[in-house]
Amino acid sequence: AVTDEQITRLSALREGCEPAHANFLAMPPSVKKTYARAYFDAKTEAGRQRRIAWMVDRLNRNLRPM
């Protein structure tokens, strides 16, 4: 299960990436959990970095994960 702490940590990683950060904060809790799960399920640091890039790209366009 995704915790509120994980969502907060993920949000902090995108601070300064506007409009992605603001769009993430405006998403419903279920969408935030889906993004957090996608990030924290990555097995390697390289995988997490790729997922952050993917998330920022989608969030800049105000899109949900899938």
N, C-alpha and C. Protein backbone atom coordinates (compact mmCIF):
# COMPACT_ATOMS: atom_id res chain seq x y z
N ALA A 1 0.84 -1.19 0.00
CA ALA A 1 0.00 0.00 0.00
C ALA A 1 0.88 1.24 0.00
N VAL A 2 0.42 2.25 -0.67
CA VAL A 2 1.14 3.52 -0.75
C VAL A 2 0.76 4.36 0.47
N THR A 3 1.78 4.93 1.11
CA THR A 3 1.54 5.74 2.30
C THR A 3 1.51 7.22 1.94
N ASP A 4 0.94 8.02 2.84
CA ASP A 4 0.94 9.47 2.66
C ASP A 4 2.37 10.00 2.63
N GLU A 5 3.26 9.37 3.41
CA GLU A 5 4.66 9.78 3.43
C GLU A 5 5.30 9.60 2.06
N GLN A 6 5.00 8.48 1.39
CA GLN A 6 5.55 8.25 0.06
C GLN A 6 5.04 9.29 -0.94
N ILE A 7 3.77 9.64 -0.84
CA ILE A 7 3.21 10.66 -1.72
C ILE A 7 3.90 12.00 -1.47
N THR A 8 4.15 12.32 -0.21
CA THR A 8 4.84 13.56 0.14
C THR A 8 6.26 13.56 -0.40
N ARG A 9 6.95 12.43 -0.26
CA ARG A 9 8.33 12.32 -0.79
C ARG A 9 8.35 12.49 -2.29
N LEU A 10 7.41 11.87 -2.98
CA LEU A 10 7.33 11.98 -4.43
C LEU A 10 7.03 13.42 -4.85
N SER A 11 6.14 14.06 -4.13
CA SER A 11 5.81 15.46 -4.42
C SER A 11 7.05 16.34 -4.27
N ALA A 12 7.83 16.10 -3.23
CA ALA A 12 9.04 16.89 -2.99
C ALA A 12 10.07 16.73 -4.12
N LEU A 13 10.10 15.56 -4.75
CA LEU A 13 11.04 15.34 -5.84
C LEU A 13 10.73 16.21 -7.05
N ARG A 14 9.48 16.63 -7.18
CA ARG A 14 9.08 17.42 -8.34
C ARG A 14 8.98 18.91 -8.04
N GLU A 15 9.29 19.33 -6.84
CA GLU A 15 9.22 20.76 -6.54
C GLU A 15 10.16 21.51 -7.48
N GLY A 16 9.69 22.62 -8.01
CA GLY A 16 10.48 23.38 -8.96
C GLY A 16 10.22 22.98 -10.40
N CYS A 17 9.55 21.85 -10.60
CA CYS A 17 9.18 21.40 -11.95
C CYS A 17 7.74 21.84 -12.21
N GLU A 18 7.60 23.10 -12.61
CA GLU A 18 6.25 23.60 -12.88
C GLU A 18 5.96 23.49 -14.36
N PRO A 19 4.75 23.20 -14.77
CA PRO A 19 3.55 23.09 -13.95
C PRO A 19 3.31 21.68 -13.38
N ALA A 20 4.27 20.76 -13.57
CA ALA A 20 4.07 19.37 -13.13
C ALA A 20 3.73 19.29 -11.64
N HIS A 21 4.46 20.03 -10.82
CA HIS A 21 4.26 19.95 -9.37
C HIS A 21 2.84 20.43 -8.99
N ALA A 22 2.43 21.57 -9.54
CA ALA A 22 1.10 22.10 -9.23
C ALA A 22 0.01 21.15 -9.73
N ASN A 23 0.22 20.58 -10.91
CA ASN A 23 -0.77 19.65 -11.44
C ASN A 23 -0.87 18.40 -10.57
N PHE A 24 0.28 17.91 -10.07
CA PHE A 24 0.26 16.75 -9.19
C PHE A 24 -0.53 17.05 -7.93
N LEU A 25 -0.29 18.21 -7.34
CA LEU A 25 -0.99 18.58 -6.10
C LEU A 25 -2.50 18.68 -6.31
N ALA A 26 -2.93 19.01 -7.52
CA ALA A 26 -4.35 19.16 -7.81
C ALA A 26 -5.03 17.82 -8.15
N MET A 27 -4.25 16.77 -8.33
CA MET A 27 -4.81 15.46 -8.69
C MET A 27 -5.54 14.86 -7.49
N PRO A 28 -6.54 14.00 -7.75
CA PRO A 28 -7.22 13.31 -6.65
C PRO A 28 -6.26 12.33 -5.96
N PRO A 29 -6.54 11.97 -4.71
CA PRO A 29 -5.66 11.05 -3.96
C PRO A 29 -5.40 9.74 -4.69
N SER A 30 -6.37 9.19 -5.38
CA SER A 30 -6.17 7.91 -6.06
C SER A 30 -5.12 8.03 -7.17
N VAL A 31 -5.10 9.15 -7.86
CA VAL A 31 -4.12 9.36 -8.93
C VAL A 31 -2.73 9.57 -8.32
N LYS A 32 -2.66 10.32 -7.23
CA LYS A 32 -1.37 10.51 -6.55
C LYS A 32 -0.80 9.17 -6.11
N LYS A 33 -1.66 8.29 -5.60
CA LYS A 33 -1.20 6.96 -5.17
C LYS A 33 -0.70 6.15 -6.35
N THR A 34 -1.37 6.25 -7.50
CA THR A 34 -0.93 5.51 -8.69
C THR A 34 0.44 5.99 -9.13
N TYR A 35 0.65 7.30 -9.17
CA TYR A 35 1.97 7.83 -9.52
C TYR A 35 3.02 7.39 -8.51
N ALA A 36 2.70 7.46 -7.22
CA ALA A 36 3.66 7.05 -6.18
C ALA A 36 4.00 5.58 -6.29
N ARG A 37 3.00 4.75 -6.54
CA ARG A 37 3.25 3.31 -6.69
C ARG A 37 4.18 3.06 -7.87
N ALA A 38 3.95 3.75 -8.98
CA ALA A 38 4.80 3.58 -10.17
C ALA A 38 6.25 3.93 -9.84
N TYR A 39 6.45 5.00 -9.09
CA TYR A 39 7.81 5.42 -8.74
C TYR A 39 8.46 4.45 -7.76
N PHE A 40 7.79 4.13 -6.68
CA PHE A 40 8.42 3.33 -5.63
C PHE A 40 8.53 1.85 -6.00
N ASP A 41 7.81 1.39 -7.01
CA ASP A 41 7.95 0.00 -7.46
C ASP A 41 9.18 -0.21 -8.35
N ALA A 42 9.81 0.86 -8.81
CA ALA A 42 11.02 0.72 -9.63
C ALA A 42 12.10 0.05 -8.79
N LYS A 43 12.82 -0.88 -9.40
CA LYS A 43 13.81 -1.65 -8.65
C LYS A 43 15.18 -0.99 -8.57
N THR A 44 15.49 -0.10 -9.52
CA THR A 44 16.82 0.53 -9.53
C THR A 44 16.68 2.04 -9.51
N GLU A 45 17.76 2.71 -9.15
CA GLU A 45 17.77 4.17 -9.17
C GLU A 45 17.57 4.69 -10.59
N ALA A 46 18.17 4.02 -11.57
CA ALA A 46 17.98 4.42 -12.97
C ALA A 46 16.51 4.31 -13.36
N GLY A 47 15.86 3.27 -12.91
CA GLY A 47 14.44 3.09 -13.19
C GLY A 47 13.61 4.19 -12.55
N ARG A 48 13.96 4.56 -11.33
CA ARG A 48 13.22 5.65 -10.65
C ARG A 48 13.42 6.97 -11.39
N GLN A 49 14.63 7.22 -11.88
CA GLN A 49 14.89 8.46 -12.62
C GLN A 49 14.08 8.50 -13.91
N ARG A 50 14.00 7.36 -14.61
CA ARG A 50 13.19 7.30 -15.84
C ARG A 50 11.72 7.54 -15.52
N ARG A 51 11.26 7.00 -14.42
CA ARG A 51 9.85 7.18 -14.05
C ARG A 51 9.55 8.63 -13.66
N ILE A 52 10.49 9.28 -12.99
CA ILE A 52 10.30 10.71 -12.66
C ILE A 52 10.19 11.51 -13.95
N ALA A 53 11.06 11.23 -14.93
CA ALA A 53 11.01 11.95 -16.20
C ALA A 53 9.67 11.72 -16.90
N TRP A 54 9.20 10.47 -16.86
CA TRP A 54 7.91 10.13 -17.45
C TRP A 54 6.78 10.88 -16.74
N MET A 55 6.83 10.91 -15.40
CA MET A 55 5.79 11.58 -14.63
C MET A 55 5.77 13.08 -14.91
N VAL A 56 6.95 13.70 -14.92
CA VAL A 56 7.01 15.14 -15.16
C VAL A 56 6.45 15.46 -16.55
N ASP A 57 6.80 14.64 -17.54
CA ASP A 57 6.27 14.85 -18.88
C ASP A 57 4.75 14.79 -18.88
N ARG A 58 4.18 13.76 -18.26
CA ARG A 58 2.72 13.61 -18.24
C ARG A 58 2.07 14.71 -17.40
N LEU A 59 2.65 15.04 -16.27
CA LEU A 59 2.06 16.05 -15.40
C LEU A 59 2.17 17.46 -15.99
N ASN A 60 3.22 17.72 -16.77
CA ASN A 60 3.31 19.01 -17.44
C ASN A 60 2.13 19.21 -18.39
N ARG A 61 1.62 18.11 -18.91
CA ARG A 61 0.45 18.14 -19.81
C ARG A 61 -0.84 17.88 -19.04
N ASN A 62 -0.75 17.80 -17.70
CA ASN A 62 -1.90 17.58 -16.80
C ASN A 62 -2.62 16.28 -17.12
N LEU A 63 -1.84 15.23 -17.40
CA LEU A 63 -2.40 13.91 -17.72
C LEU A 63 -2.29 12.97 -16.53
N ARG A 64 -3.24 12.06 -16.46
CA ARG A 64 -3.19 11.02 -15.43
C ARG A 64 -2.22 9.94 -15.86
N PRO A 65 -1.87 9.01 -14.97
CA PRO A 65 -0.83 8.01 -15.28
C PRO A 65 -1.09 7.17 -16.51
N MET A 66 -2.31 6.70 -16.71
CA MET A 66 -2.55 5.79 -17.82
C MET A 66 -3.53 6.37 -18.81
